[in-house]
Amino acid sequence: MNGRSPLARPSWLLRALRTPRRPQSLTVLLLLAACAGLLLWFAKHMGNYGENLALNLGTDIVGVVITVFVIGPLISRAQEGRVREHTRLDYEWFSAQVYGSTSNVKVLDTFSNLFGPQYSERLFRGIRSATAHGARVQILLLDPDSLAVILRGRELGEQSADIRRDILRNLRTLSHFARRLDDTSRQFLEVRLCSTSPGVTLYRWDERSLVSFLTVGRLSGEGVQLEVAVRSPLGAFVEQRFDELWQQSKPMERFTHLPVTLVDATDGRREFTCRFVHVDDGLYIAGHDVVSYMARHRLDQLSAYSEALNVQGAHELIVVDDESELHELLRQTFAEKYDASATAFVELRPAVLVTE
């Protein structure tokens, strides 16, 4: 059912009229309006012109009212249950739908070629347009460090490291795009990471969605996509799955940057925001500013704290030897994650695990 009361319909109509139209539609509208004005001008000399004009306009208005409030809702209800099949995920076509969105845009996938170099710029133009009209854009990808990445890699017959690199490329692209947005648009864009395999993919624009399933041996975008209404049974099921994963996910910023507070037992505290990597269950932060701060203080007087750490409480700071094998491994892992280089790494180790 539509769920709109008679009193709510005028406001719905106003929102529909405010919805941005494509330039082609506006051109056709202007041409039709010009033709109508020209015909009315030619007919102005006919007898009883005013009465005939009023009669025709009145009947046309009645027809518009019936079409908008009776026939339109009936067609919309019939279309909600219709499923249209696409042989594959057409990223350019989806980006075009995003461009005209005014309420919601959602993407749920392991990773997506949508954020690759071939399609990302067109998508980002669409996102700018959508956020300018107040649309909320939510992007949910798989956490590169989660066990679900290993599972998906096995399903595709690829190394999990390949899947991880694809996700990292997506995240770097999205992070770079988010920094280019103005403050107003940025508040409507959210990118989060989930650690559980979604089982389905979702590409939504306003009240329509493309839905597919994560299959074995093939990327989801290469398979059949089902275009459904958000309020259809299948659309509602996938929306519920998206919302569940969204609630359990973490912001992209928590994967790329770690807030750390260094506390000196005798000389106050200082806040840092650090890039970091995990290697063999160890957590390592990078940054010359951190190392420089540590060099000016006694290590036995320093402790690190962060609410984002799995283990709460004080952490010891241990500088990694820059000639060790661990250091080289950290450099490689850091370059893969950030596509950048780092030369100084500091391990944050829970104090309870530190031994003499």
Protein backbone atom coordinates (compact mmCIF):
# COMPACT_ATOMS: atom_id res chain seq x y z
CA MET A 1 0.00 0.00 0.00
CA ASN A 2 1.10 3.53 -0.63
CA GLY A 3 0.63 4.79 2.93
CA ARG A 4 0.11 8.45 1.89
CA SER A 5 -2.96 10.08 3.37
CA PRO A 6 -5.02 12.53 1.25
CA LEU A 7 -3.65 15.39 3.31
CA ALA A 8 -0.05 14.30 2.66
CA ARG A 9 -0.50 14.15 -1.10
CA PRO A 10 -0.12 17.91 -1.79
CA SER A 11 3.27 17.96 0.00
CA TRP A 12 4.28 14.81 -1.90
CA LEU A 13 3.31 16.53 -5.15
CA LEU A 14 5.41 19.57 -4.23
CA ARG A 15 8.41 17.34 -3.52
CA ALA A 16 7.90 15.64 -6.87
CA LEU A 17 7.80 18.99 -8.62
CA ARG A 18 11.02 20.04 -6.88
CA THR A 19 12.80 16.86 -7.96
CA PRO A 20 15.66 17.78 -10.35
CA ARG A 21 15.00 16.87 -13.97
CA ARG A 22 17.48 15.93 -16.66
CA PRO A 23 18.39 18.67 -19.20
CA GLN A 24 16.73 16.61 -21.99
CA SER A 25 13.42 16.58 -20.09
CA LEU A 26 13.55 20.34 -19.54
CA THR A 27 14.23 20.91 -23.25
CA VAL A 28 11.21 18.82 -24.25
CA LEU A 29 9.06 20.61 -21.66
CA LEU A 30 10.05 24.03 -23.02
CA LEU A 31 9.36 22.95 -26.61
CA LEU A 32 5.91 21.64 -25.69
CA ALA A 33 5.13 24.83 -23.76
CA ALA A 34 6.21 26.92 -26.76
CA CYS A 35 4.01 24.85 -29.10
CA ALA A 36 1.05 25.21 -26.76
CA GLY A 37 1.51 28.99 -26.57
CA LEU A 38 1.80 29.22 -30.34
CA LEU A 39 -1.41 27.23 -30.88
CA LEU A 40 -3.28 29.38 -28.37
CA TRP A 41 -2.08 32.52 -30.16
CA PHE A 42 -3.29 31.24 -33.56
CA ALA A 43 -6.69 30.39 -32.06
CA LYS A 44 -7.27 33.74 -30.38
CA HIS A 45 -9.50 35.04 -33.23
CA MET A 46 -12.02 32.20 -33.07
CA GLY A 47 -15.49 32.81 -31.69
CA ASN A 48 -16.10 32.39 -27.98
CA TYR A 49 -12.34 32.08 -27.48
CA GLY A 50 -12.46 32.66 -23.71
CA GLU A 51 -15.22 30.12 -23.08
CA ASN A 52 -13.56 27.46 -25.26
CA LEU A 53 -10.18 28.04 -23.59
CA ALA A 54 -11.71 27.76 -20.11
CA LEU A 55 -13.59 24.58 -21.06
CA ASN A 56 -10.50 22.88 -22.51
CA LEU A 57 -8.24 23.92 -19.66
CA GLY A 58 -10.80 22.72 -17.12
CA THR A 59 -11.07 19.26 -18.69
CA ASP A 60 -7.28 19.04 -18.97
CA ILE A 61 -6.85 19.92 -15.30
CA VAL A 62 -9.39 17.21 -14.35
CA GLY A 63 -7.38 14.76 -16.44
CA VAL A 64 -4.14 15.78 -14.71
CA VAL A 65 -5.72 15.35 -11.26
CA ILE A 66 -7.00 11.87 -12.15
CA THR A 67 -3.62 10.90 -13.60
CA VAL A 68 -1.57 12.18 -10.64
CA PHE A 69 -3.78 11.01 -7.78
CA VAL A 70 -5.49 7.92 -9.19
CA ILE A 71 -3.72 6.38 -12.16
CA GLY A 72 -0.18 7.29 -11.00
CA PRO A 73 -0.44 5.59 -7.59
CA LEU A 74 -2.00 2.49 -9.18
CA ILE A 75 0.90 2.22 -11.64
CA SER A 76 3.43 2.80 -8.84
CA ARG A 77 1.92 0.01 -6.75
CA ALA A 78 1.99 -2.36 -9.69
CA GLN A 79 5.63 -1.52 -10.38
CA GLU A 80 6.71 -2.12 -6.78
CA GLY A 81 6.25 -5.85 -7.18
CA ARG A 82 7.92 -5.99 -10.59
CA VAL A 83 11.43 -7.42 -10.90
CA ARG A 84 13.55 -6.35 -13.83
CA GLU A 85 16.64 -8.37 -14.69
CA HIS A 86 19.97 -6.87 -15.79
CA THR A 87 22.53 -9.26 -17.23
CA ARG A 88 25.32 -7.50 -15.32
CA LEU A 89 25.98 -4.46 -13.18
CA ASP A 90 26.24 -1.45 -15.48
CA TYR A 91 28.29 0.99 -13.39
CA GLU A 92 27.80 3.93 -15.76
CA TRP A 93 24.04 3.43 -15.76
CA PHE A 94 23.97 3.27 -11.95
CA SER A 95 26.06 6.44 -11.71
CA ALA A 96 23.50 8.19 -13.91
CA GLN A 97 20.72 7.14 -11.49
CA VAL A 98 22.75 8.45 -8.55
CA TYR A 99 23.04 11.85 -10.28
CA GLY A 100 19.29 12.41 -10.02
CA SER A 101 18.82 11.02 -6.51
CA THR A 102 17.27 13.21 -3.84
CA SER A 103 16.86 10.97 -0.77
CA ASN A 104 19.07 7.87 -0.49
CA VAL A 105 22.04 6.25 -2.18
CA LYS A 106 23.42 2.99 -0.77
CA VAL A 107 26.17 0.61 -1.84
CA LEU A 108 26.83 -2.74 -0.15
CA ASP A 109 29.57 -4.96 -1.56
CA THR A 110 32.84 -6.69 -0.74
CA PHE A 111 34.60 -4.18 -2.97
CA SER A 112 33.38 -2.58 -6.18
CA ASN A 113 34.69 -1.62 -9.60
CA LEU A 114 32.33 1.33 -9.22
CA PHE A 115 35.16 3.03 -7.29
CA GLY A 116 37.79 2.04 -9.82
CA PRO A 117 39.54 4.48 -12.19
CA GLN A 118 37.17 3.70 -15.08
CA TYR A 119 33.93 4.67 -13.35
CA SER A 120 34.73 6.59 -10.15
CA GLU A 121 34.80 10.12 -11.57
CA ARG A 122 31.35 9.76 -13.12
CA LEU A 123 30.02 8.30 -9.87
CA PHE A 124 31.54 11.12 -7.84
CA ARG A 125 29.86 13.69 -10.07
CA GLY A 126 26.61 11.90 -9.32
CA ILE A 127 27.31 11.89 -5.58
CA ARG A 128 28.05 15.61 -5.62
CA SER A 129 24.72 16.24 -7.31
CA ALA A 130 22.85 13.91 -4.95
CA THR A 131 24.36 15.39 -1.77
CA ALA A 132 23.66 18.90 -3.08
CA HIS A 133 19.98 17.94 -3.07
CA GLY A 134 20.20 16.50 0.45
CA ALA A 135 20.53 12.81 -0.42
CA ARG A 136 22.28 10.63 2.16
CA VAL A 137 25.02 8.46 0.64
CA GLN A 138 25.98 5.30 2.57
CA ILE A 139 28.77 3.00 1.34
CA LEU A 140 29.44 -0.28 3.17
CA LEU A 141 32.40 -2.44 2.18
CA LEU A 142 34.12 -5.43 3.78
CA ASP A 143 36.79 -4.76 6.39
CA PRO A 144 40.13 -5.66 4.71
CA ASP A 145 41.47 -7.12 7.97
CA SER A 146 38.44 -9.31 8.68
CA LEU A 147 38.25 -13.10 8.38
CA ALA A 148 35.39 -12.62 5.90
CA VAL A 149 37.98 -11.43 3.35
CA ILE A 150 39.73 -14.81 3.54
CA LEU A 151 36.41 -16.61 3.09
CA ARG A 152 35.44 -14.50 0.08
CA GLY A 153 38.87 -15.07 -1.45
CA ARG A 154 38.33 -18.81 -1.25
CA GLU A 155 34.89 -18.49 -2.83
CA LEU A 156 36.38 -16.59 -5.76
CA GLY A 157 39.35 -18.92 -6.10
CA GLU A 158 41.73 -16.05 -5.41
CA GLN A 159 44.19 -15.24 -2.69
CA SER A 160 42.64 -13.25 0.14
CA ALA A 161 45.52 -10.77 -0.30
CA ASP A 162 44.13 -9.91 -3.76
CA ILE A 163 40.68 -9.17 -2.32
CA ARG A 164 42.27 -7.11 0.42
CA ARG A 165 44.24 -5.03 -2.10
CA ASP A 166 41.06 -4.36 -4.10
CA ILE A 167 39.26 -3.13 -0.96
CA LEU A 168 42.22 -0.96 0.01
CA ARG A 169 42.22 0.65 -3.44
CA ASN A 170 38.51 1.42 -3.02
CA LEU A 171 39.13 2.97 0.39
CA ARG A 172 41.99 5.16 -0.83
CA THR A 173 39.81 6.42 -3.69
CA LEU A 174 36.88 7.14 -1.38
CA SER A 175 39.08 8.82 1.21
CA HIS A 176 40.61 11.08 -1.44
CA PHE A 177 37.16 11.97 -2.78
CA ALA A 178 35.78 12.74 0.69
CA ARG A 179 38.63 15.21 1.30
CA ARG A 180 37.70 17.04 -1.92
CA LEU A 181 34.09 17.60 -0.83
CA ASP A 182 32.93 20.78 0.84
CA ASP A 183 31.72 20.58 4.43
CA THR A 184 28.05 20.60 3.47
CA SER A 185 28.34 17.66 1.06
CA ARG A 186 30.75 15.72 3.26
CA GLN A 187 28.22 15.44 6.06
CA PHE A 188 25.92 13.46 3.74
CA LEU A 189 28.60 10.90 2.77
CA GLU A 190 29.41 7.97 5.06
CA VAL A 191 31.78 5.09 4.35
CA ARG A 192 31.88 2.19 6.79
CA LEU A 193 33.44 -1.27 7.00
CA CYS A 194 31.77 -4.48 8.16
CA SER A 195 33.53 -7.64 9.32
CA THR A 196 30.74 -10.08 8.36
CA SER A 197 30.14 -11.29 4.83
CA PRO A 198 26.89 -9.68 3.65
CA GLY A 199 25.87 -12.53 1.33
CA VAL A 200 24.13 -10.01 -0.93
CA THR A 201 25.02 -6.82 -2.77
CA LEU A 202 22.95 -3.66 -2.90
CA TYR A 203 23.12 -0.63 -5.19
CA ARG A 204 20.27 1.71 -4.29
CA TRP A 205 19.13 5.07 -5.64
CA ASP A 206 16.07 6.64 -4.00
CA GLU A 207 13.27 4.03 -4.08
CA ARG A 208 14.88 1.56 -6.50
CA SER A 209 17.67 -0.97 -5.96
CA LEU A 210 19.89 -3.38 -7.83
CA VAL A 211 20.22 -6.59 -5.82
CA SER A 212 22.52 -9.53 -6.39
CA PHE A 213 24.12 -12.35 -4.40
CA LEU A 214 27.73 -13.24 -3.66
CA THR A 215 28.28 -16.35 -5.75
CA VAL A 216 31.13 -18.84 -5.85
CA GLY A 217 33.76 -18.36 -8.54
CA ARG A 218 32.42 -15.06 -9.90
CA LEU A 219 32.31 -11.43 -8.87
CA SER A 220 28.84 -10.22 -7.96
CA GLY A 221 28.92 -7.46 -10.60
CA GLU A 222 29.37 -10.03 -13.36
CA GLY A 223 26.13 -11.84 -12.55
CA VAL A 224 22.45 -11.04 -12.97
CA GLN A 225 21.23 -7.95 -11.14
CA LEU A 226 17.63 -7.74 -9.96
CA GLU A 227 16.12 -4.26 -10.12
CA VAL A 228 13.41 -4.01 -7.48
CA ALA A 229 11.51 -1.40 -5.53
CA VAL A 230 12.84 -0.74 -2.03
CA ARG A 231 9.38 -1.51 -0.60
CA SER A 232 9.06 -4.84 -2.40
CA PRO A 233 9.61 -8.04 -0.32
CA LEU A 234 13.09 -8.62 -1.79
CA GLY A 235 14.00 -4.94 -1.52
CA ALA A 236 12.87 -4.80 2.10
CA PHE A 237 14.85 -7.96 2.94
CA VAL A 238 18.09 -6.56 1.52
CA GLU A 239 17.48 -3.19 3.19
CA GLN A 240 17.11 -4.96 6.53
CA ARG A 241 20.37 -6.83 5.93
CA PHE A 242 22.10 -3.55 5.07
CA ASP A 243 20.81 -1.87 8.24
CA GLU A 244 21.97 -4.79 10.42
CA LEU A 245 25.49 -4.69 8.99
CA TRP A 246 25.58 -0.90 9.14
CA GLN A 247 24.86 -0.92 12.87
CA GLN A 248 27.73 -3.35 13.49
CA SER A 249 30.21 -1.63 11.17
CA LYS A 250 32.94 0.92 11.89
CA PRO A 251 33.73 4.21 10.12
CA MET A 252 36.42 4.14 7.44
CA GLU A 253 38.40 6.68 9.49
CA ARG A 254 38.90 4.10 12.27
CA PHE A 255 40.59 1.82 9.75
CA THR A 256 42.89 4.50 8.37
CA HIS A 257 43.72 6.61 11.45
CA LEU A 258 44.15 5.85 15.14
CA PRO A 259 43.76 8.56 17.81
CA VAL A 260 46.53 8.11 20.38
CA THR A 261 47.29 10.02 23.56
CA LEU A 262 50.86 9.93 24.85
CA VAL A 263 51.08 10.59 28.58
CA ASP A 264 54.30 11.55 30.31
CA ALA A 265 54.25 10.73 34.01
CA THR A 266 55.97 14.03 34.79
CA ASP A 267 55.21 16.31 31.84
CA GLY A 268 51.54 16.19 30.77
CA ARG A 269 50.05 14.63 27.65
CA ARG A 270 49.76 15.12 23.90
CA GLU A 271 47.22 13.99 21.31
CA PHE A 272 48.19 12.36 18.00
CA THR A 273 46.29 10.97 15.03
CA CYS A 274 48.41 8.21 13.54
CA ARG A 275 48.42 5.92 10.57
CA PHE A 276 48.84 2.33 11.66
CA VAL A 277 49.17 -1.30 10.56
CA HIS A 278 48.67 -4.72 12.11
CA VAL A 279 51.31 -7.42 11.70
CA ASP A 280 51.17 -10.78 13.52
CA ASP A 281 48.66 -9.52 16.09
CA GLY A 282 50.87 -6.53 16.84
CA LEU A 283 49.79 -2.90 16.40
CA TYR A 284 52.30 -0.45 14.96
CA ILE A 285 51.87 3.29 14.47
CA ALA A 286 53.90 5.40 12.04
CA GLY A 287 54.84 9.04 12.13
CA HIS A 288 57.91 11.20 12.60
CA ASP A 289 55.98 13.49 14.94
CA VAL A 290 55.42 10.61 17.37
CA VAL A 291 59.05 9.49 17.21
CA SER A 292 60.23 13.09 17.64
CA TYR A 293 58.03 13.51 20.72
CA MET A 294 59.33 10.24 22.16
CA ALA A 295 62.94 11.34 21.60
CA ARG A 296 62.37 14.33 23.87
CA HIS A 297 61.04 12.20 26.74
CA ARG A 298 62.13 9.19 28.74
CA LEU A 299 60.51 6.03 27.38
CA ASP A 300 60.01 4.59 30.86
CA GLN A 301 57.91 7.66 31.68
CA LEU A 302 55.71 7.45 28.58
CA SER A 303 52.46 5.54 28.12
CA ALA A 304 50.00 5.41 25.22
CA TYR A 305 46.21 5.38 25.50
CA SER A 306 43.41 5.14 22.95
CA GLU A 307 39.72 4.36 23.17
CA ALA A 308 39.96 2.70 19.75
CA LEU A 309 42.33 -0.03 20.98
CA ASN A 310 40.98 -3.52 21.62
CA VAL A 311 42.79 -3.64 24.95
CA GLN A 312 42.06 -0.63 27.12
CA GLY A 313 44.52 0.91 29.53
CA ALA A 314 48.16 1.88 29.27
CA HIS A 315 50.35 0.66 26.40
CA GLU A 316 54.13 0.60 26.21
CA LEU A 317 55.84 2.28 23.26
CA ILE A 318 58.56 0.21 21.61
CA VAL A 319 60.51 1.61 18.68
CA VAL A 320 61.04 -0.94 15.91
CA ASP A 321 64.64 -1.45 14.82
CA ASP A 322 64.91 -0.01 11.31
CA GLU A 323 67.36 -2.76 10.29
CA SER A 324 65.17 -5.66 11.37
CA GLU A 325 63.09 -7.97 9.15
CA LEU A 326 60.01 -6.77 11.02
CA HIS A 327 60.71 -3.21 9.91
CA GLU A 328 60.86 -4.24 6.26
CA LEU A 329 57.61 -6.17 6.63
CA LEU A 330 55.98 -3.13 8.24
CA ARG A 331 57.13 -0.91 5.37
CA GLN A 332 55.56 -3.28 2.83
CA THR A 333 52.30 -3.56 4.77
CA PHE A 334 52.11 0.21 5.24
CA ALA A 335 52.73 0.88 1.53
CA GLU A 336 49.99 -1.59 0.59
CA LYS A 337 47.49 0.02 2.94
CA TYR A 338 48.20 3.70 2.29
CA ASP A 339 50.09 3.71 -1.01
CA ALA A 340 52.72 5.76 0.81
CA SER A 341 56.03 5.17 2.55
CA ALA A 342 57.05 5.31 6.19
CA THR A 343 60.42 4.84 7.83
CA ALA A 344 59.68 4.92 11.57
CA PHE A 345 57.36 2.54 13.39
CA VAL A 346 56.40 2.25 17.05
CA GLU A 347 54.68 -0.76 18.56
CA LEU A 348 51.87 -0.19 21.03
CA ARG A 349 52.01 -3.14 23.39
CA PRO A 350 49.61 -3.62 26.32
CA ALA A 351 51.52 -3.04 29.53
CA VAL A 352 50.40 -6.35 31.01
CA LEU A 353 52.17 -8.19 28.18
CA VAL A 354 55.51 -6.45 28.61
CA THR A 355 58.15 -8.66 30.20
CA GLU A 356 61.67 -7.97 31.37
